[in-house]
Protein backbone atom coordinates (compact mmCIF):
# COMPACT_ATOMS: atom_id res chain seq x y z
CA MET A 1 101.07 113.83 101.73
CA LYS A 2 103.22 110.55 102.81
CA ILE A 3 103.76 109.42 106.24
CA MET A 4 105.85 106.85 107.61
CA ILE A 5 104.31 104.15 110.26
CA THR A 6 104.49 101.13 112.15
CA VAL A 7 102.23 98.11 111.59
CA GLU A 8 102.48 95.77 114.75
CA ILE A 9 100.88 92.02 115.53
CA PRO A 10 101.25 92.11 118.96
CA ALA A 11 100.54 88.30 118.91
CA SER A 12 103.57 87.18 116.84
CA ASN A 13 106.04 90.24 118.08
CA PHE A 14 106.07 90.93 114.20
CA MET A 15 106.84 94.86 113.08
CA LEU A 16 106.67 96.38 109.75
CA ASP A 17 107.79 100.25 108.99
CA ILE A 18 105.88 101.41 106.09
CA GLN A 19 105.23 104.37 104.27
CA VAL A 20 101.64 105.54 103.04
CA ASN A 21 99.41 107.98 101.53
CA GLN A 22 97.65 110.24 104.76
CA ARG A 23 94.58 109.94 102.23
CA GLN A 24 94.78 106.33 101.67
CA ARG A 25 91.66 104.63 103.52
CA ILE A 26 93.33 101.88 106.13
CA ARG A 27 92.00 98.71 104.30
CA THR A 28 93.33 99.40 101.03
CA THR A 29 96.60 99.43 102.85
CA LEU A 30 96.07 95.63 104.69
CA ARG A 31 94.23 94.49 101.95
CA VAL A 32 97.51 95.07 99.81
CA LEU A 33 99.76 93.96 103.04
CA ALA A 34 97.82 90.47 102.93
CA GLU A 35 98.32 90.09 99.53
CA ASN A 36 101.97 90.30 99.68
CA ARG A 37 102.91 89.06 102.90
CA ALA A 38 102.15 86.08 104.84
CA GLU A 39 102.05 87.67 108.01
CA PHE A 40 99.06 89.84 107.57
CA ARG A 41 96.56 86.94 105.88
CA PRO A 42 95.20 86.50 108.86
CA PHE A 43 93.76 89.59 109.17
CA ALA A 44 92.63 90.23 105.72
CA ASP A 45 88.99 90.10 107.85
CA ASN A 46 88.05 90.31 111.24
CA LEU A 47 90.43 92.65 112.61
CA ILE A 48 90.46 95.49 115.42
CA VAL A 49 93.07 98.07 114.32
CA ARG A 50 94.06 100.05 117.63
CA VAL A 51 96.32 103.06 118.19
CA LYS A 52 99.57 101.78 120.21
CA SER A 53 100.23 105.07 122.07
CA ASN A 54 96.61 105.20 123.46
CA GLY A 55 94.62 102.29 122.79
CA ARG A 56 92.06 104.18 120.69
CA ARG A 57 90.30 101.91 118.09
CA ILE A 58 90.01 102.84 114.66
CA SER A 59 87.77 102.30 111.69
CA THR A 60 89.61 100.79 109.05
CA GLU A 61 87.43 102.65 106.79
CA GLN A 62 88.90 105.42 107.91
CA THR A 63 91.59 107.19 105.97
CA TYR A 64 94.68 107.92 107.88
CA GLU A 65 94.13 111.83 108.03
CA ASP A 66 90.59 111.23 109.46
CA ALA A 67 91.91 108.51 111.90
CA ASP A 68 94.10 111.29 113.21
CA ILE A 69 97.13 108.98 112.34
CA TYR A 70 100.37 110.81 111.72
CA ASN A 71 104.02 110.07 111.22
CA GLY A 72 105.80 107.47 113.74
CA THR A 73 101.89 106.47 114.85
CA VAL A 74 101.95 102.92 115.69
CA ILE A 75 99.24 100.94 115.23
CA LEU A 76 98.48 97.07 116.32
CA LEU A 77 96.73 94.27 114.26
CA GLU A 78 94.35 91.88 116.47
CA ASN A 79 91.66 89.07 115.30
CA LEU A 80 88.19 89.94 116.30
CA PRO A 81 87.80 87.47 119.35
CA LYS A 82 86.19 84.20 118.33
CA GLU A 83 82.54 83.45 118.74
CA ILE A 84 81.54 80.78 121.09
């Protein structure tokens, strides 16, 4: 089943609505976005993905279905903090 989600990058106030298959892995979506959109290249690796509504961190290895991501969900992309 296809779902519509919003991917948001809070650091740059960038948002993109996309349609994905619920059984697709989140990592696959992020890889395709990084290959095709410059805004997503910094997030190809070392990122944190959260659900905006509750702040829950989700694994990019999960499918949208396994991560309980449904139609209308907004996910946030954040870079991992750099080690000192």
